[in-house]
Structures are given as C-alpha cells and as structure tokens.
C-alpha atoms as a PDB file:
ATOM      1  CA  MET A   1      -6.173  -8.529 -17.994  1.00  0.00           C
ATOM      2  CA  THR A   2      -7.319  -5.915 -15.495  1.00  0.00           C
ATOM      3  CA  VAL A   3      -4.719  -4.407 -13.168  1.00  0.00           C
ATOM      4  CA  CYS A   4      -5.180  -2.381  -9.998  1.00  0.00           C
ATOM      5  CA  LEU A   5      -1.851  -0.742  -9.187  1.00  0.00           C
ATOM      6  CA  THR A   6      -1.487   0.638  -5.663  1.00  0.00           C
ATOM      7  CA  GLY A   7       1.208   2.244  -3.543  1.00  0.00           C
ATOM      8  CA  ASP A   8       1.543   3.451   0.039  1.00  0.00           C
ATOM      9  CA  ILE A   9       2.907   6.882   1.027  1.00  0.00           C
ATOM     10  CA  HIS A  10       3.954   7.703   4.602  1.00  0.00           C
ATOM     11  CA  HIS A  11       4.644  11.003   6.360  1.00  0.00           C
ATOM     12  CA  MET A  12       8.373  11.777   6.652  1.00  0.00           C
ATOM     13  CA  SER A  13       8.205  12.219  10.420  1.00  0.00           C
ATOM     14  CA  LEU A  14       7.531   8.462  10.648  1.00  0.00           C
ATOM     15  CA  GLY A  15      11.248   7.942  10.008  1.00  0.00           C
ATOM     16  CA  THR A  16      11.121   4.583   8.216  1.00  0.00           C
ATOM     17  CA  GLY A  17      14.251   2.770   7.094  1.00  0.00           C
ATOM     18  CA  ASN A  18      13.440   3.678   3.496  1.00  0.00           C
ATOM     19  CA  GLN A  19      13.123   7.346   4.407  1.00  0.00           C
ATOM     20  CA  ARG A  20      16.432   7.357   6.276  1.00  0.00           C
ATOM     21  CA  HIS A  21      18.218   5.907   3.227  1.00  0.00           C
ATOM     22  CA  CYS A  22      16.610   8.270   0.707  1.00  0.00           C
ATOM     23  CA  ASP A  23      18.060  11.576  -0.499  1.00  0.00           C
ATOM     24  CA  ILE A  24      14.614  13.014  -1.273  1.00  0.00           C
ATOM     25  CA  THR A  25      11.291  12.850   0.548  1.00  0.00           C
ATOM     26  CA  GLU A  26       8.879   9.976   0.118  1.00  0.00           C
ATOM     27  CA  ILE A  27       6.330  12.272  -1.540  1.00  0.00           C
ATOM     28  CA  GLN A  28       9.005  13.440  -3.983  1.00  0.00           C
ATOM     29  CA  THR A  29       9.588   9.829  -5.007  1.00  0.00           C
ATOM     30  CA  ALA A  30       5.840   9.597  -5.653  1.00  0.00           C
ATOM     31  CA  HIS A  31       6.101  12.672  -7.918  1.00  0.00           C
ATOM     32  CA  ARG A  32       8.741  10.886  -9.991  1.00  0.00           C
ATOM     33  CA  MET A  33       6.694   7.706 -10.122  1.00  0.00           C
ATOM     34  CA  LEU A  34       3.676   9.708 -11.262  1.00  0.00           C
ATOM     35  CA  GLU A  35       5.695  11.132 -14.164  1.00  0.00           C
ATOM     36  CA  LEU A  36       6.237   7.552 -15.361  1.00  0.00           C
ATOM     37  CA  LEU A  37       2.592   6.676 -14.899  1.00  0.00           C
ATOM     38  CA  GLU A  38       1.712   9.649 -17.079  1.00  0.00           C
ATOM     39  CA  GLN A  39       3.994   8.364 -19.846  1.00  0.00           C
ATOM     40  CA  TYR A  40       2.273   4.985 -19.808  1.00  0.00           C
ATOM     41  CA  ASP A  41      -1.216   6.262 -18.936  1.00  0.00           C
ATOM     42  CA  VAL A  42      -1.548   3.913 -15.958  1.00  0.00           C
ATOM     43  CA  LYS A  43      -3.909   4.569 -13.059  1.00  0.00           C
ATOM     44  CA  ILE A  44      -2.833   4.180  -9.424  1.00  0.00           C
ATOM     45  CA  THR A  45      -4.468   4.220  -6.000  1.00  0.00           C
ATOM     46  CA  PHE A  46      -2.183   5.794  -3.403  1.00  0.00           C
ATOM     47  CA  PHE A  47      -2.926   4.913   0.223  1.00  0.00           C
ATOM     48  CA  ILE A  48      -1.641   7.904   2.196  1.00  0.00           C
ATOM     49  CA  SER A  49      -1.275   8.465   5.933  1.00  0.00           C
ATOM     50  CA  GLY A  50      -3.287  11.263   7.510  1.00  0.00           C
ATOM     51  CA  LYS A  51      -0.174  12.971   8.832  1.00  0.00           C
ATOM     52  CA  CYS A  52       1.091  13.367   5.258  1.00  0.00           C
ATOM     53  CA  PHE A  53      -1.786  15.767   4.657  1.00  0.00           C
ATOM     54  CA  LEU A  54      -1.169  17.533   7.948  1.00  0.00           C
ATOM     55  CA  GLU A  55       2.604  17.950   7.552  1.00  0.00           C
ATOM     56  CA  GLU A  56       3.312  17.941   3.800  1.00  0.00           C
ATOM     57  CA  TRP A  57       0.207  19.131   1.987  1.00  0.00           C
ATOM     58  CA  GLU A  58       2.054  21.599  -0.240  1.00  0.00           C
ATOM     59  CA  SER A  59       4.082  18.761  -1.735  1.00  0.00           C
ATOM     60  CA  LEU A  60       1.196  16.294  -1.732  1.00  0.00           C
ATOM     61  CA  GLU A  61      -1.451  18.464  -3.396  1.00  0.00           C
ATOM     62  CA  ILE A  62      -0.306  17.895  -6.988  1.00  0.00           C
ATOM     63  CA  ILE A  63      -0.529  14.110  -6.486  1.00  0.00           C
ATOM     64  CA  CYS A  64      -4.010  14.224  -4.996  1.00  0.00           C
ATOM     65  CA  SER A  65      -5.386  16.337  -7.842  1.00  0.00           C
ATOM     66  CA  HIS A  66      -3.936  14.197 -10.643  1.00  0.00           C
ATOM     67  CA  PRO A  67      -6.544  12.436 -12.812  1.00  0.00           C
ATOM     68  CA  LEU A  68      -4.607   9.139 -12.800  1.00  0.00           C
ATOM     69  CA  VAL A  69      -4.584   9.062  -8.983  1.00  0.00           C
ATOM     70  CA  GLU A  70      -7.167   7.786  -6.527  1.00  0.00           C
ATOM     71  CA  ILE A  71      -6.572   8.502  -2.839  1.00  0.00           C
ATOM     72  CA  GLY A  72      -7.134   5.953  -0.074  1.00  0.00           C
ATOM     73  CA  GLY A  73      -6.516   6.100   3.665  1.00  0.00           C
ATOM     74  CA  HIS A  74      -3.454   4.583   5.345  1.00  0.00           C
ATOM     75  CA  ASN A  75      -4.136   5.329   9.024  1.00  0.00           C
ATOM     76  CA  TRP A  76      -3.402   8.631  10.728  1.00  0.00           C
ATOM     77  CA  SER A  77       0.072   8.082  12.201  1.00  0.00           C
ATOM     78  CA  CYS A  78       0.818   4.514  11.038  1.00  0.00           C
ATOM     79  CA  PHE A  79       0.399   2.965  14.493  1.00  0.00           C
ATOM     80  CA  THR A  80       2.712   5.164  16.495  1.00  0.00           C
ATOM     81  CA  PRO A  81       3.742   5.130  19.288  1.00  0.00           C
ATOM     82  CA  GLU A  82       4.582   1.481  18.593  1.00  0.00           C
ATOM     83  CA  LEU A  83       4.680   0.525  22.285  1.00  0.00           C
ATOM     84  CA  VAL A  84       1.078   1.615  22.782  1.00  0.00           C
ATOM     85  CA  HIS A  85      -0.100  -0.599  19.930  1.00  0.00           C
ATOM     86  CA  ARG A  86       1.847  -3.564  21.263  1.00  0.00           C
ATOM     87  CA  ILE A  87       0.081  -3.120  24.599  1.00  0.00           C
ATOM     88  CA  TRP A  88      -3.312  -2.914  22.896  1.00  0.00           C
ATOM     89  CA  ASN A  89      -2.498  -6.051  20.950  1.00  0.00           C
ATOM     90  CA  LYS A  90      -1.980  -7.897  24.230  1.00  0.00           C
ATOM     91  CA  LEU A  91      -4.990  -6.360  25.982  1.00  0.00           C
ATOM     92  CA  VAL A  92      -7.648  -6.527  23.245  1.00  0.00           C
ATOM     93  CA  ARG A  93      -5.893  -8.731  20.659  1.00  0.00           C
ATOM     94  CA  SER A  94      -5.938  -5.916  18.139  1.00  0.00           C
ATOM     95  CA  TYR A  95      -2.737  -4.116  17.158  1.00  0.00           C
ATOM     96  CA  ASN A  96      -4.975  -1.441  15.622  1.00  0.00           C
ATOM     97  CA  GLY A  97      -6.362  -0.745  19.090  1.00  0.00           C
ATOM     98  CA  PRO A  98      -9.864  -1.003  20.590  1.00  0.00           C
ATOM     99  CA  PRO A  99     -12.849   0.087  18.449  1.00  0.00           C
ATOM    100  CA  LEU A 100     -12.947   3.666  19.804  1.00  0.00           C
ATOM    101  CA  VAL A 101      -9.284   4.235  18.970  1.00  0.00           C
ATOM    102  CA  GLN A 102      -9.550   2.596  15.567  1.00  0.00           C
ATOM    103  CA  ARG A 103     -12.627   4.656  14.700  1.00  0.00           C
ATOM    104  CA  ARG A 104     -10.887   7.885  15.704  1.00  0.00           C
ATOM    105  CA  ASP A 105      -7.887   6.969  13.549  1.00  0.00           C
ATOM    106  CA  ALA A 106     -10.090   6.378  10.500  1.00  0.00           C
ATOM    107  CA  GLU A 107     -12.274   9.438  11.052  1.00  0.00           C
ATOM    108  CA  ARG A 108      -9.303  11.812  11.400  1.00  0.00           C
ATOM    109  CA  THR A 109      -7.711  10.464   8.233  1.00  0.00           C
ATOM    110  CA  ILE A 110     -10.936  10.550   6.225  1.00  0.00           C
ATOM    111  CA  GLN A 111     -11.779  14.066   7.422  1.00  0.00           C
ATOM    112  CA  ILE A 112      -8.449  15.719   6.617  1.00  0.00           C
ATOM    113  CA  ILE A 113      -8.520  14.213   3.121  1.00  0.00           C
ATOM    114  CA  GLU A 114     -12.059  15.502   2.613  1.00  0.00           C
ATOM    115  CA  ASP A 115     -11.135  18.953   3.928  1.00  0.00           C
ATOM    116  CA  LEU A 116      -8.075  19.357   1.690  1.00  0.00           C
ATOM    117  CA  CYS A 117      -9.037  17.329  -1.386  1.00  0.00           C
ATOM    118  CA  CYS A 118     -12.783  18.020  -1.331  1.00  0.00           C
ATOM    119  CA  LYS A 119     -13.494  14.340  -1.845  1.00  0.00           C
ATOM    120  CA  ARG A 120     -14.678  11.479   0.346  1.00  0.00           C
ATOM    121  CA  ILE A 121     -12.381   8.463   0.125  1.00  0.00           C
ATOM    122  CA  LEU A 122     -13.769   4.978  -0.493  1.00  0.00           C
ATOM    123  CA  CYS A 123     -10.620   2.857  -0.071  1.00  0.00           C
ATOM    124  CA  TRP A 124      -8.379   1.902   2.825  1.00  0.00           C
ATOM    125  CA  ARG A 125      -5.228  -0.032   3.564  1.00  0.00           C
ATOM    126  CA  ASN A 126      -3.900  -0.375   7.088  1.00  0.00           C
ATOM    127  CA  HIS A 127      -0.210   0.259   7.657  1.00  0.00           C
ATOM    128  CA  MET A 128       1.689  -3.050   7.572  1.00  0.00           C
ATOM    129  CA  TYR A 129      -1.600  -4.689   6.473  1.00  0.00           C
ATOM    130  CA  MET A 130      -2.675  -4.736  10.132  1.00  0.00           C
ATOM    131  CA  HIS A 131      -6.216  -6.097   9.885  1.00  0.00           C
ATOM    132  CA  GLY A 132      -7.857  -6.424  13.285  1.00  0.00           C
ATOM    133  CA  PRO A 133     -11.101  -7.974  14.553  1.00  0.00           C
ATOM    134  CA  TYR A 134     -12.927  -4.620  14.354  1.00  0.00           C
ATOM    135  CA  THR A 135     -11.561  -3.455  10.996  1.00  0.00           C
ATOM    136  CA  GLU A 136     -14.526  -4.219   8.729  1.00  0.00           C
ATOM    137  CA  LYS A 137     -17.168  -2.842  11.099  1.00  0.00           C
ATOM    138  CA  ILE A 138     -15.253   0.375  11.823  1.00  0.00           C
ATOM    139  CA  LEU A 139     -14.368   1.094   8.196  1.00  0.00           C
ATOM    140  CA  ALA A 140     -17.870   0.266   6.948  1.00  0.00           C
ATOM    141  CA  ASP A 141     -19.381   2.620   9.536  1.00  0.00           C
ATOM    142  CA  CYS A 142     -17.011   5.339   8.299  1.00  0.00           C
ATOM    143  CA  GLY A 143     -18.181   4.951   4.714  1.00  0.00           C
ATOM    144  CA  ILE A 144     -15.205   2.991   3.363  1.00  0.00           C
ATOM    145  CA  LYS A 145     -16.286   0.598   0.604  1.00  0.00           C
ATOM    146  CA  ILE A 146     -13.180  -1.550   0.086  1.00  0.00           C
ATOM    147  CA  CYS A 147     -10.141  -2.509   2.192  1.00  0.00           C
ATOM    148  CA  SER A 148      -6.945  -3.909   0.683  1.00  0.00           C
ATOM    149  CA  ASP A 149      -5.077  -5.494   3.590  1.00  0.00           C
ATOM    150  CA  GLY A 150      -2.826  -8.513   3.520  1.00  0.00           C
ATOM    151  CA  THR A 151      -1.819 -10.871   0.755  1.00  0.00           C
ATOM    152  CA  ASN A 152      -3.503 -13.830  -0.892  1.00  0.00           C
ATOM    153  CA  ARG A 153      -1.928 -15.207  -4.043  1.00  0.00           C
ATOM    154  CA  GLU A 154      -5.182 -16.984  -4.907  1.00  0.00           C
ATOM    155  CA  ALA A 155      -7.429 -13.919  -4.652  1.00  0.00           C
ATOM    156  CA  THR A 156      -9.281 -13.148  -7.873  1.00  0.00           C
ATOM    157  CA  GLY A 157     -11.085  -9.968  -6.851  1.00  0.00           C
ATOM    158  CA  PRO A 158     -12.961  -8.231  -4.014  1.00  0.00           C
ATOM    159  CA  VAL A 159     -15.038 -10.348  -1.632  1.00  0.00           C
ATOM    160  CA  VAL A 160     -17.923  -8.808   0.268  1.00  0.00           C
ATOM    161  CA  HIS A 161     -17.910  -9.037   4.078  1.00  0.00           C
ATOM    162  CA  GLU A 162     -21.055  -9.380   6.194  1.00  0.00           C
ATOM    163  CA  THR A 163     -20.719  -5.682   7.116  1.00  0.00           C
ATOM    164  CA  GLY A 164     -21.056  -4.745   3.446  1.00  0.00           C
ATOM    165  CA  ILE A 165     -17.451  -3.677   2.973  1.00  0.00           C
ATOM    166  CA  TYR A 166     -15.286  -5.506   0.433  1.00  0.00           C
ATOM    167  CA  ASN A 167     -11.875  -7.047   1.136  1.00  0.00           C
ATOM    168  CA  PHE A 168      -9.323  -7.416  -1.647  1.00  0.00           C
ATOM    169  CA  PRO A 169      -5.857  -8.657  -0.599  1.00  0.00           C
ATOM    170  CA  ILE A 170      -2.776  -8.221  -2.780  1.00  0.00           C
ATOM    171  CA  ASN A 171      -2.285 -11.077  -5.261  1.00  0.00           C
ATOM    172  CA  VAL A 172       0.982 -10.057  -6.933  1.00  0.00           C
ATOM    173  CA  ILE A 173       4.258 -10.389  -5.007  1.00  0.00           C
ATOM    174  CA  PRO A 174       4.711  -7.270  -2.812  1.00  0.00           C
ATOM    175  CA  ASP A 175       7.807  -5.137  -3.161  1.00  0.00           C
ATOM    176  CA  HIS A 176       9.067  -3.974   0.232  1.00  0.00           C
ATOM    177  CA  GLU A 177       9.130  -7.314   2.066  1.00  0.00           C
ATOM    178  CA  HIS A 178      10.660  -9.223  -0.842  1.00  0.00           C
ATOM    179  CA  LEU A 179      13.357  -6.803  -2.034  1.00  0.00           C
ATOM    180  CA  PHE A 180      16.915  -6.109  -0.960  1.00  0.00           C
ATOM    181  CA  HIS A 181      17.089  -2.337  -0.577  1.00  0.00           C
ATOM    182  CA  ALA A 182      17.855   0.408   1.953  1.00  0.00           C
ATOM    183  CA  GLU A 183      18.615  -1.283   5.307  1.00  0.00           C
ATOM    184  CA  ARG A 184      17.319  -4.619   3.979  1.00  0.00           C
ATOM    185  CA  THR A 185      20.707  -6.089   3.092  1.00  0.00           C
ATOM    186  CA  ARG A 186      21.154  -9.863   2.925  1.00  0.00           C
ATOM    187  CA  GLU A 187      22.617  -9.796   6.443  1.00  0.00           C
ATOM    188  CA  TRP A 188      19.786  -7.674   7.813  1.00  0.00           C
ATOM    189  CA  VAL A 189      17.159  -9.928   6.233  1.00  0.00           C
ATOM    190  CA  ASP A 190      18.838 -13.044   7.639  1.00  0.00           C
ATOM    191  CA  GLN A 191      18.749 -11.603  11.151  1.00  0.00           C
ATOM    192  CA  TRP A 192      15.180 -10.402  10.743  1.00  0.00           C
ATOM    193  CA  GLN A 193      14.052 -13.831   9.576  1.00  0.00           C
ATOM    194  CA  LYS A 194      15.731 -15.527  12.534  1.00  0.00           C
ATOM    195  CA  ARG A 195      13.887 -13.195  14.879  1.00  0.00           C
ATOM    196  CA  HIS A 196      10.415 -13.144  13.277  1.00  0.00           C
ATOM    197  CA  SER A 197      10.202 -16.209  10.970  1.00  0.00           C
ATOM    198  CA  TRP A 198       8.149 -14.061   8.628  1.00  0.00           C
ATOM    199  CA  LYS A 199       6.609 -15.314   5.396  1.00  0.00           C
ATOM    200  CA  ASP A 200       3.633 -14.722   3.129  1.00  0.00           C
ATOM    201  CA  ASP A 201       2.122 -16.562   0.145  1.00  0.00           C
ATOM    202  CA  TRP A 202       5.390 -16.069  -1.760  1.00  0.00           C
ATOM    203  CA  GLY A 203       7.522 -17.448   1.046  1.00  0.00           C
ATOM    204  CA  SER A 204      10.160 -15.668   3.085  1.00  0.00           C
ATOM    205  CA  GLU A 205      12.756 -14.883   0.413  1.00  0.00           C
ATOM    206  CA  SER A 206      14.026 -11.462  -0.592  1.00  0.00           C
ATOM    207  CA  TYR A 207      15.347 -10.832  -4.093  1.00  0.00           C
ATOM    208  CA  THR A 208      17.361  -8.443  -6.186  1.00  0.00           C
ATOM    209  CA  ILE A 209      15.226  -5.976  -8.078  1.00  0.00           C
ATOM    210  CA  ASP A 210      15.680  -7.806 -11.408  1.00  0.00           C
ATOM    211  CA  LYS A 211      14.630 -11.177  -9.999  1.00  0.00           C
ATOM    212  CA  TRP A 212      11.692  -9.649  -8.152  1.00  0.00           C
ATOM    213  CA  THR A 213      10.517  -7.992 -11.358  1.00  0.00           C
ATOM    214  CA  ASP A 214      10.600 -11.354 -13.143  1.00  0.00           C
ATOM    215  CA  ILE A 215       8.323 -12.767 -10.426  1.00  0.00           C
ATOM    216  CA  VAL A 216       5.956  -9.788 -10.718  1.00  0.00           C
ATOM    217  CA  LEU A 217       5.616 -10.320 -14.461  1.00  0.00           C
ATOM    218  CA  ALA A 218       5.031 -14.047 -13.946  1.00  0.00           C
ATOM    219  CA  ASP A 219       2.319 -13.283 -11.375  1.00  0.00           C
ATOM    220  CA  LEU A 220       0.635 -10.889 -13.788  1.00  0.00           C
ATOM    221  CA  GLU A 221       0.600 -13.550 -16.483  1.00  0.00           C
ATOM    222  CA  ARG A 222      -0.733 -16.120 -14.022  1.00  0.00           C
ATOM    223  CA  ASN A 223      -3.565 -13.771 -13.072  1.00  0.00           C
ATOM    224  CA  ARG A 224      -4.315 -13.234 -16.718  1.00  0.00           C
ATOM    225  CA  THR A 225      -4.748 -16.949 -17.328  1.00  0.00           C
ATOM    226  CA  ARG A 226      -7.134 -17.367 -14.373  1.00  0.00           C
ATOM    227  CA  ALA A 227      -9.128 -14.192 -15.163  1.00  0.00           C
ATOM    228  CA  ALA A 228      -8.184 -12.543 -11.868  1.00  0.00           C
ATOM    229  CA  ILE A 229      -7.876  -8.812 -11.257  1.00  0.00           C
ATOM    230  CA  SER A 230      -4.207  -8.178 -10.441  1.00  0.00           C
ATOM    231  CA  ASN A 231      -3.929  -6.234  -7.189  1.00  0.00           C
ATOM    232  CA  MET A 232      -0.370  -4.881  -7.001  1.00  0.00           C
ATOM    233  CA  ILE A 233       1.501  -2.881  -4.359  1.00  0.00           C
ATOM    234  CA  ILE A 234       4.524  -0.888  -5.496  1.00  0.00           C
ATOM    235  CA  HIS A 235       5.925   1.757  -3.147  1.00  0.00           C
ATOM    236  CA  PRO A 236       7.412   4.792  -4.949  1.00  0.00           C
ATOM    237  CA  ILE A 237      10.253   5.124  -2.438  1.00  0.00           C
ATOM    238  CA  THR A 238      11.165   1.427  -2.737  1.00  0.00           C
ATOM    239  CA  MET A 239      11.429   1.603  -6.529  1.00  0.00           C
ATOM    240  CA  TYR A 240      13.482   4.789  -6.300  1.00  0.00           C
ATOM    241  CA  LEU A 241      15.909   3.251  -3.832  1.00  0.00           C
ATOM    242  CA  CYS A 242      16.265  -0.035  -5.738  1.00  0.00           C
ATOM    243  CA  ASP A 243      17.162   1.207  -9.209  1.00  0.00           C
ATOM    244  CA  GLY A 244      15.691   4.626  -9.874  1.00  0.00           C
ATOM    245  CA  PHE A 245      12.488   3.165 -11.381  1.00  0.00           C
ATOM    246  CA  ASP A 246      14.125   1.034 -14.093  1.00  0.00           C
ATOM    247  CA  ALA A 247      12.228  -2.069 -12.940  1.00  0.00           C
ATOM    248  CA  LEU A 248       8.997  -0.100 -12.767  1.00  0.00           C
ATOM    249  CA  ARG A 249       9.429   0.815 -16.428  1.00  0.00           C
ATOM    250  CA  ARG A 250       9.609  -2.898 -17.289  1.00  0.00           C
ATOM    251  CA  ILE A 251       6.399  -3.513 -15.350  1.00  0.00           C
ATOM    252  CA  LEU A 252       4.580  -0.543 -16.859  1.00  0.00           C
ATOM    253  CA  GLU A 253       5.454  -1.714 -20.373  1.00  0.00           C
ATOM    254  CA  VAL A 254       3.370  -4.818 -19.634  1.00  0.00           C
ATOM    255  CA  VAL A 255       0.639  -3.248 -17.510  1.00  0.00           C
ATOM    256  CA  SER A 256      -0.033  -0.392 -19.916  1.00  0.00           C
ATOM    257  CA  ALA A 257      -1.133  -2.851 -22.601  1.00  0.00           C
ATOM    258  CA  ASP A 258      -4.086  -3.842 -20.423  1.00  0.00           C
ATOM    259  CA  GLU A 259      -6.875  -2.095 -18.558  1.00  0.00           C
ATOM    260  CA  THR A 260      -5.804  -0.346 -15.356  1.00  0.00           C
ATOM    261  CA  ILE A 261      -8.366   0.660 -12.754  1.00  0.00           C
ATOM    262  CA  HIS A 262      -8.522   2.332  -9.366  1.00  0.00           C
ATOM    263  CA  MET A 263      -9.206   0.274  -6.258  1.00  0.00           C
ATOM    264  CA  SER A 264     -12.749   1.610  -5.931  1.00  0.00           C
ATOM    265  CA  GLU A 265     -13.436   0.511  -9.510  1.00  0.00           C
ATOM    266  CA  THR A 266     -12.791  -3.125  -8.620  1.00  0.00           C
ATOM    267  CA  ILE A 267     -16.251  -3.208  -7.018  1.00  0.00           C
END
C-alpha cells in the first residue's frame, strides 16, 4: 500500500474553534506531530496558509526544513473576511473569488514560501476544500502541479485536468468534520447539522476518536485491496485536542509498514 499523509496548518490570527480550545499554538501541535512522524519515519505534506509564514515564521521554520515534510499552499488568509467571500460566491458563483482575486491569493502564498523556504511549491489545498470554477486554471498558471481538494471515497489516485494540473481528493475519512473535539460537542454537531445538512462520502456522522480511528484503519485496508493510493488528512491540532496523539500512534503503526510519499510524488 502507498500512503500520502497530509495535514493543514493555519495562522493563529485566524482564530478557529480548534485554536481557541488549544493551550498551545497550532504550529506547536505540528511540532509534536512531527516528533511522532520521525519515530515512525513517515512522510507528510503540510498545506500551510500564507499568513503562517508572515506571522509565525520563527516557529514554522523547523517544520519547513524537515526532510520528512513537503510544503503545500493553503491560501493566504483562509478566505477572510468571510463576508466578502460570501458576496463573491453570490456574484460570481465562486467562494474563492473572481480569477484576479484567486490568482493574487495563490501568488502571494507561493511567493512568501519561496522567499523564506527557498523552494517553489508544487501542491495546493484550498481552505475548507473550496474548489471553484477557476481553481484549476489559476493554480496551473501559477505552476502548481497537483491540488488536493474535497473528498471522494472511490478515488484511486491523481486525475489530470484539461489544464494539465492533477486533482486528487481525499479518500480516507477526514478528521475534523467527523470527530467530536473542541467546540464540536454532540450538541454543537446536532445544531450544525440541522442548519447546514452537511455530509460527505462518509455521511454526516461524527465519532469519538477511537471509533474514527477504527474507520481510518478500515479505509486504509480497503484502499490496499483495490490498489489505491491512500490520501489522508490529519490535522495536528485536531489530534492533539482529541487525545494527545494516541490515535495517531495507532495509525502510524499501520502506515509505517508501507510506503509513504509526499503529495507531489503521487504524480
């Protein structure tokens, strides 16, 4: 089995629910996750917001220079202000914004990573998997080779788009949307579901960390049997908040027995 492990890291000024419930910064949770990855010799692709590099480079530098880590872009400010993006969604049917805005977002993120890390990124994931009508064209023009937005349980690997860029959705149950943690209590999830009727290929349920881990391991085995590359998303801050990385250790015990690759290596 081949596994592509990924995680998203957001700037602390974004003020997510996870960040508000955490006693350390989101980048510090990534440091602790990286220590585990070192123990198991597992590669990871971290998709990181541009503002992380602007505001927290001193803390982020050690992650970006680690040989197990590949860096991908995760938008500049993660679609803030939210109201502006809602308006754009109504006006041009793209939450990401019109092409000019989307291009500027990508270029700023790519450039600050190149300036600080001395490397040109090849991978991208939009915040909240927001994949708009201009995404492939904009990212391809900016030199991005592969985008990992959205979920598709049946995906087996990257698929080339007419623009030349590859799309590779997540095919192992995601963590954040399917886990009880931080503000995502059973009551909160019930109210959120009533308001948004959200679901993905794994349904609308949220689980305890132990049950979720069982599903992850089952998905990995399923992908093994159908010769699919497993594309996983595991947020460092989510694992820290759930159980201090105990579940991640269970997953890494399995993953480390197989080949792990960076997102760019899937193509």
